[in-house]
Amino acid sequence: MQPLGFDWKMSVSWLHRRCAKELWVGTIGVLHTSAGDNEKSGSIIQKLQNDTYDSGPKKGEKVYSPLVAFSFMLFILIYFPCIAALAAIKKESGSWKWALFSIVYNTSLAWLVFYCFSNGKFF
Protein backbone atom coordinates (compact mmCIF):
# COMPACT_ATOMS: atom_id res chain seq x y z
CA MET A 1 0.00 0.00 0.00
CA GLN A 2 3.03 2.26 0.25
CA PRO A 3 2.95 3.28 -3.45
CA LEU A 4 -0.39 4.97 -2.76
CA GLY A 5 0.97 6.76 0.31
CA PHE A 6 -0.98 4.78 2.91
CA ASP A 7 0.57 4.72 6.36
CA TRP A 8 0.49 1.46 8.30
CA LYS A 9 -2.77 2.38 10.07
CA MET A 10 -4.55 3.01 6.76
CA SER A 11 -3.19 -0.29 5.42
CA VAL A 12 -4.40 -2.27 8.44
CA SER A 13 -7.87 -0.71 8.22
CA TRP A 14 -7.94 -1.51 4.49
CA LEU A 15 -7.11 -5.16 5.17
CA HIS A 16 -9.68 -5.40 7.94
CA ARG A 17 -12.38 -3.94 5.71
CA ARG A 18 -12.48 -7.10 3.60
CA CYS A 19 -14.84 -8.63 6.19
CA ALA A 20 -17.29 -5.71 5.88
CA LYS A 21 -16.84 -2.28 4.32
CA GLU A 22 -17.85 -0.39 7.45
CA LEU A 23 -15.16 -2.01 9.62
CA TRP A 24 -12.43 0.33 8.39
CA VAL A 25 -13.90 3.21 10.39
CA GLY A 26 -13.75 1.30 13.67
CA THR A 27 -10.28 -0.01 12.87
CA ILE A 28 -8.92 3.49 12.22
CA GLY A 29 -10.49 4.63 15.50
CA VAL A 30 -9.01 1.76 17.50
CA LEU A 31 -5.55 2.20 15.98
CA HIS A 32 -5.51 5.92 16.77
CA THR A 33 -6.65 5.42 20.37
CA SER A 34 -4.36 2.46 21.06
CA ALA A 35 -1.81 2.34 23.89
CA GLY A 36 0.92 3.75 21.67
CA ASP A 37 -1.01 6.99 21.19
CA ASN A 38 -1.82 7.69 24.86
CA GLU A 39 0.71 10.51 25.05
CA LYS A 40 -1.35 12.43 22.49
CA SER A 41 -4.50 13.65 24.14
CA GLY A 42 -7.59 14.84 22.34
CA SER A 43 -10.44 13.54 20.27
CA ILE A 44 -10.11 11.08 17.44
CA ILE A 45 -10.59 13.96 15.00
CA GLN A 46 -7.63 15.82 16.49
CA LYS A 47 -5.52 12.67 16.42
CA LEU A 48 -6.31 12.10 12.75
CA GLN A 49 -5.55 15.73 11.91
CA ASN A 50 -2.22 15.62 13.80
CA ASP A 51 -1.10 12.16 12.61
CA THR A 52 2.27 12.24 10.83
CA TYR A 53 4.38 9.68 9.00
CA ASP A 54 6.90 7.99 11.33
CA SER A 55 9.40 6.92 8.68
CA GLY A 56 10.17 6.97 4.98
CA PRO A 57 10.46 9.89 2.56
CA LYS A 58 7.37 11.59 4.03
CA LYS A 59 8.61 11.42 7.64
CA GLY A 60 7.11 14.26 9.67
CA GLU A 61 4.47 15.16 7.07
CA LYS A 62 0.78 14.98 7.95
CA VAL A 63 -0.92 11.75 6.85
CA TYR A 64 -4.48 13.02 6.45
CA SER A 65 -4.95 16.11 4.35
CA PRO A 66 -8.56 16.68 3.26
CA LEU A 67 -7.60 15.45 -0.21
CA VAL A 68 -5.95 12.25 1.04
CA ALA A 69 -8.82 11.55 3.45
CA PHE A 70 -11.38 11.95 0.64
CA SER A 71 -9.27 9.83 -1.71
CA PHE A 72 -8.95 7.09 0.93
CA MET A 73 -12.72 7.05 1.43
CA LEU A 74 -13.17 6.71 -2.34
CA PHE A 75 -10.67 3.85 -2.36
CA ILE A 76 -12.52 2.03 0.42
CA LEU A 77 -15.88 2.48 -1.32
CA ILE A 78 -14.71 1.36 -4.78
CA TYR A 79 -12.41 -1.48 -3.69
CA PHE A 80 -13.85 -4.98 -4.14
CA PRO A 81 -16.88 -6.03 -2.08
CA CYS A 82 -16.63 -7.85 1.21
CA ILE A 83 -16.14 -11.61 1.35
CA ALA A 84 -19.88 -12.24 1.82
CA ALA A 85 -20.69 -10.24 -1.31
CA LEU A 86 -18.07 -12.19 -3.28
CA ALA A 87 -19.64 -15.45 -2.11
CA ALA A 88 -23.05 -14.15 -3.23
CA ILE A 89 -21.63 -13.21 -6.65
CA LYS A 90 -20.19 -16.72 -6.96
CA LYS A 91 -23.47 -18.33 -5.94
CA GLU A 92 -25.62 -16.22 -8.27
CA SER A 93 -23.31 -16.54 -11.28
CA GLY A 94 -22.50 -20.21 -10.69
CA SER A 95 -18.72 -19.77 -10.96
CA TRP A 96 -15.83 -17.90 -9.43
CA LYS A 97 -15.16 -16.12 -12.74
CA TRP A 98 -17.38 -13.11 -11.96
CA ALA A 99 -16.24 -12.93 -8.34
CA LEU A 100 -12.60 -12.83 -9.47
CA PHE A 101 -13.47 -10.30 -12.15
CA SER A 102 -15.08 -8.14 -9.43
CA ILE A 103 -11.91 -8.33 -7.34
CA VAL A 104 -9.56 -7.41 -10.20
CA TYR A 105 -11.75 -4.72 -11.78
CA ASN A 106 -12.77 -2.96 -8.57
CA THR A 107 -9.28 -3.08 -7.08
CA SER A 108 -7.74 -1.64 -10.26
CA LEU A 109 -10.37 1.09 -10.43
CA ALA A 110 -9.90 1.93 -6.73
CA TRP A 111 -6.11 2.24 -7.13
CA LEU A 112 -6.52 4.45 -10.19
CA VAL A 113 -9.10 6.74 -8.54
CA PHE A 114 -7.08 7.02 -5.31
CA TYR A 115 -3.88 7.78 -7.21
CA CYS A 116 -5.51 10.39 -9.41
CA PHE A 117 -7.40 12.16 -6.60
CA SER A 118 -4.57 12.09 -4.06
CA ASN A 119 -2.13 13.51 -6.63
CA GLY A 120 -4.56 16.12 -7.91
CA LYS A 121 -4.83 14.60 -11.40
CA PHE A 122 -8.62 15.19 -11.51
CA PHE A 123 -8.39 18.87 -10.60
C-alpha atoms as a PDB file:
ATOM      1  CA  MET A   1       0.000   0.000   0.000  1.00  0.00           C
ATOM      2  CA  GLN A   2       3.033   2.261   0.252  1.00  0.00           C
ATOM      3  CA  PRO A   3       2.947   3.282  -3.446  1.00  0.00           C
ATOM      4  CA  LEU A   4      -0.387   4.969  -2.755  1.00  0.00           C
ATOM      5  CA  GLY A   5       0.970   6.760   0.313  1.00  0.00           C
ATOM      6  CA  PHE A   6      -0.978   4.776   2.915  1.00  0.00           C
ATOM      7  CA  ASP A   7       0.572   4.719   6.357  1.00  0.00           C
ATOM      8  CA  TRP A   8       0.487   1.464   8.305  1.00  0.00           C
ATOM      9  CA  LYS A   9      -2.771   2.382  10.069  1.00  0.00           C
ATOM     10  CA  MET A  10      -4.547   3.010   6.762  1.00  0.00           C
ATOM     11  CA  SER A  11      -3.192  -0.286   5.418  1.00  0.00           C
ATOM     12  CA  VAL A  12      -4.400  -2.267   8.435  1.00  0.00           C
ATOM     13  CA  SER A  13      -7.868  -0.708   8.217  1.00  0.00           C
ATOM     14  CA  TRP A  14      -7.940  -1.509   4.486  1.00  0.00           C
ATOM     15  CA  LEU A  15      -7.106  -5.161   5.168  1.00  0.00           C
ATOM     16  CA  HIS A  16      -9.678  -5.397   7.942  1.00  0.00           C
ATOM     17  CA  ARG A  17     -12.380  -3.937   5.709  1.00  0.00           C
ATOM     18  CA  ARG A  18     -12.477  -7.101   3.600  1.00  0.00           C
ATOM     19  CA  CYS A  19     -14.839  -8.629   6.188  1.00  0.00           C
ATOM     20  CA  ALA A  20     -17.288  -5.714   5.880  1.00  0.00           C
ATOM     21  CA  LYS A  21     -16.840  -2.281   4.320  1.00  0.00           C
ATOM     22  CA  GLU A  22     -17.853  -0.386   7.449  1.00  0.00           C
ATOM     23  CA  LEU A  23     -15.161  -2.011   9.622  1.00  0.00           C
ATOM     24  CA  TRP A  24     -12.427   0.326   8.392  1.00  0.00           C
ATOM     25  CA  VAL A  25     -13.900   3.214  10.393  1.00  0.00           C
ATOM     26  CA  GLY A  26     -13.747   1.299  13.670  1.00  0.00           C
ATOM     27  CA  THR A  27     -10.285  -0.010  12.873  1.00  0.00           C
ATOM     28  CA  ILE A  28      -8.924   3.493  12.220  1.00  0.00           C
ATOM     29  CA  GLY A  29     -10.490   4.632  15.498  1.00  0.00           C
ATOM     30  CA  VAL A  30      -9.010   1.764  17.499  1.00  0.00           C
ATOM     31  CA  LEU A  31      -5.555   2.203  15.976  1.00  0.00           C
ATOM     32  CA  HIS A  32      -5.510   5.921  16.770  1.00  0.00           C
ATOM     33  CA  THR A  33      -6.646   5.423  20.366  1.00  0.00           C
ATOM     34  CA  SER A  34      -4.355   2.457  21.064  1.00  0.00           C
ATOM     35  CA  ALA A  35      -1.813   2.338  23.894  1.00  0.00           C
ATOM     36  CA  GLY A  36       0.922   3.755  21.671  1.00  0.00           C
ATOM     37  CA  ASP A  37      -1.010   6.994  21.189  1.00  0.00           C
ATOM     38  CA  ASN A  38      -1.821   7.686  24.861  1.00  0.00           C
ATOM     39  CA  GLU A  39       0.713  10.507  25.050  1.00  0.00           C
ATOM     40  CA  LYS A  40      -1.347  12.426  22.493  1.00  0.00           C
ATOM     41  CA  SER A  41      -4.499  13.655  24.141  1.00  0.00           C
ATOM     42  CA  GLY A  42      -7.592  14.845  22.340  1.00  0.00           C
ATOM     43  CA  SER A  43     -10.441  13.541  20.270  1.00  0.00           C
ATOM     44  CA  ILE A  44     -10.111  11.081  17.439  1.00  0.00           C
ATOM     45  CA  ILE A  45     -10.593  13.960  14.997  1.00  0.00           C
ATOM     46  CA  GLN A  46      -7.634  15.820  16.492  1.00  0.00           C
ATOM     47  CA  LYS A  47      -5.524  12.672  16.420  1.00  0.00           C
ATOM     48  CA  LEU A  48      -6.308  12.095  12.745  1.00  0.00           C
ATOM     49  CA  GLN A  49      -5.549  15.734  11.909  1.00  0.00           C
ATOM     50  CA  ASN A  50      -2.218  15.617  13.797  1.00  0.00           C
ATOM     51  CA  ASP A  51      -1.097  12.159  12.613  1.00  0.00           C
ATOM     52  CA  THR A  52       2.271  12.241  10.834  1.00  0.00           C
ATOM     53  CA  TYR A  53       4.384   9.676   8.999  1.00  0.00           C
ATOM     54  CA  ASP A  54       6.900   7.993  11.334  1.00  0.00           C
ATOM     55  CA  SER A  55       9.395   6.920   8.678  1.00  0.00           C
ATOM     56  CA  GLY A  56      10.171   6.971   4.976  1.00  0.00           C
ATOM     57  CA  PRO A  57      10.458   9.886   2.559  1.00  0.00           C
ATOM     58  CA  LYS A  58       7.373  11.585   4.030  1.00  0.00           C
ATOM     59  CA  LYS A  59       8.612  11.418   7.644  1.00  0.00           C
ATOM     60  CA  GLY A  60       7.111  14.259   9.670  1.00  0.00           C
ATOM     61  CA  GLU A  61       4.466  15.156   7.069  1.00  0.00           C
ATOM     62  CA  LYS A  62       0.780  14.975   7.949  1.00  0.00           C
ATOM     63  CA  VAL A  63      -0.920  11.745   6.850  1.00  0.00           C
ATOM     64  CA  TYR A  64      -4.483  13.021   6.452  1.00  0.00           C
ATOM     65  CA  SER A  65      -4.954  16.109   4.352  1.00  0.00           C
ATOM     66  CA  PRO A  66      -8.556  16.676   3.262  1.00  0.00           C
ATOM     67  CA  LEU A  67      -7.604  15.449  -0.215  1.00  0.00           C
ATOM     68  CA  VAL A  68      -5.946  12.248   1.038  1.00  0.00           C
ATOM     69  CA  ALA A  69      -8.824  11.547   3.452  1.00  0.00           C
ATOM     70  CA  PHE A  70     -11.376  11.954   0.643  1.00  0.00           C
ATOM     71  CA  SER A  71      -9.268   9.827  -1.706  1.00  0.00           C
ATOM     72  CA  PHE A  72      -8.947   7.091   0.935  1.00  0.00           C
ATOM     73  CA  MET A  73     -12.718   7.048   1.430  1.00  0.00           C
ATOM     74  CA  LEU A  74     -13.172   6.710  -2.344  1.00  0.00           C
ATOM     75  CA  PHE A  75     -10.666   3.850  -2.362  1.00  0.00           C
ATOM     76  CA  ILE A  76     -12.524   2.029   0.423  1.00  0.00           C
ATOM     77  CA  LEU A  77     -15.879   2.481  -1.319  1.00  0.00           C
ATOM     78  CA  ILE A  78     -14.707   1.363  -4.782  1.00  0.00           C
ATOM     79  CA  TYR A  79     -12.411  -1.477  -3.691  1.00  0.00           C
ATOM     80  CA  PHE A  80     -13.855  -4.983  -4.144  1.00  0.00           C
ATOM     81  CA  PRO A  81     -16.881  -6.034  -2.082  1.00  0.00           C
ATOM     82  CA  CYS A  82     -16.628  -7.848   1.209  1.00  0.00           C
ATOM     83  CA  ILE A  83     -16.145 -11.614   1.354  1.00  0.00           C
ATOM     84  CA  ALA A  84     -19.883 -12.241   1.822  1.00  0.00           C
ATOM     85  CA  ALA A  85     -20.691 -10.240  -1.315  1.00  0.00           C
ATOM     86  CA  LEU A  86     -18.074 -12.188  -3.284  1.00  0.00           C
ATOM     87  CA  ALA A  87     -19.642 -15.447  -2.107  1.00  0.00           C
ATOM     88  CA  ALA A  88     -23.050 -14.152  -3.230  1.00  0.00           C
ATOM     89  CA  ILE A  89     -21.632 -13.212  -6.649  1.00  0.00           C
ATOM     90  CA  LYS A  90     -20.188 -16.719  -6.963  1.00  0.00           C
ATOM     91  CA  LYS A  91     -23.466 -18.332  -5.939  1.00  0.00           C
ATOM     92  CA  GLU A  92     -25.619 -16.221  -8.267  1.00  0.00           C
ATOM     93  CA  SER A  93     -23.314 -16.536 -11.277  1.00  0.00           C
ATOM     94  CA  GLY A  94     -22.501 -20.208 -10.687  1.00  0.00           C
ATOM     95  CA  SER A  95     -18.716 -19.770 -10.961  1.00  0.00           C
ATOM     96  CA  TRP A  96     -15.831 -17.898  -9.425  1.00  0.00           C
ATOM     97  CA  LYS A  97     -15.157 -16.120 -12.738  1.00  0.00           C
ATOM     98  CA  TRP A  98     -17.378 -13.106 -11.956  1.00  0.00           C
ATOM     99  CA  ALA A  99     -16.235 -12.928  -8.343  1.00  0.00           C
ATOM    100  CA  LEU A 100     -12.595 -12.834  -9.474  1.00  0.00           C
ATOM    101  CA  PHE A 101     -13.472 -10.295 -12.155  1.00  0.00           C
ATOM    102  CA  SER A 102     -15.081  -8.137  -9.433  1.00  0.00           C
ATOM    103  CA  ILE A 103     -11.906  -8.331  -7.340  1.00  0.00           C
ATOM    104  CA  VAL A 104      -9.560  -7.408 -10.203  1.00  0.00           C
ATOM    105  CA  TYR A 105     -11.747  -4.725 -11.781  1.00  0.00           C
ATOM    106  CA  ASN A 106     -12.772  -2.963  -8.567  1.00  0.00           C
ATOM    107  CA  THR A 107      -9.276  -3.084  -7.079  1.00  0.00           C
ATOM    108  CA  SER A 108      -7.743  -1.640 -10.262  1.00  0.00           C
ATOM    109  CA  LEU A 109     -10.366   1.088 -10.430  1.00  0.00           C
ATOM    110  CA  ALA A 110      -9.903   1.926  -6.727  1.00  0.00           C
ATOM    111  CA  TRP A 111      -6.114   2.237  -7.130  1.00  0.00           C
ATOM    112  CA  LEU A 112      -6.524   4.451 -10.186  1.00  0.00           C
ATOM    113  CA  VAL A 113      -9.100   6.738  -8.542  1.00  0.00           C
ATOM    114  CA  PHE A 114      -7.081   7.017  -5.309  1.00  0.00           C
ATOM    115  CA  TYR A 115      -3.877   7.776  -7.207  1.00  0.00           C
ATOM    116  CA  CYS A 116      -5.511  10.394  -9.410  1.00  0.00           C
ATOM    117  CA  PHE A 117      -7.398  12.156  -6.601  1.00  0.00           C
ATOM    118  CA  SER A 118      -4.569  12.092  -4.058  1.00  0.00           C
ATOM    119  CA  ASN A 119      -2.130  13.511  -6.632  1.00  0.00           C
ATOM    120  CA  GLY A 120      -4.561  16.121  -7.906  1.00  0.00           C
ATOM    121  CA  LYS A 121      -4.834  14.603 -11.399  1.00  0.00           C
ATOM    122  CA  PHE A 122      -8.618  15.187 -11.509  1.00  0.00           C
ATOM    123  CA  PHE A 123      -8.393  18.871 -10.598  1.00  0.00           C
END
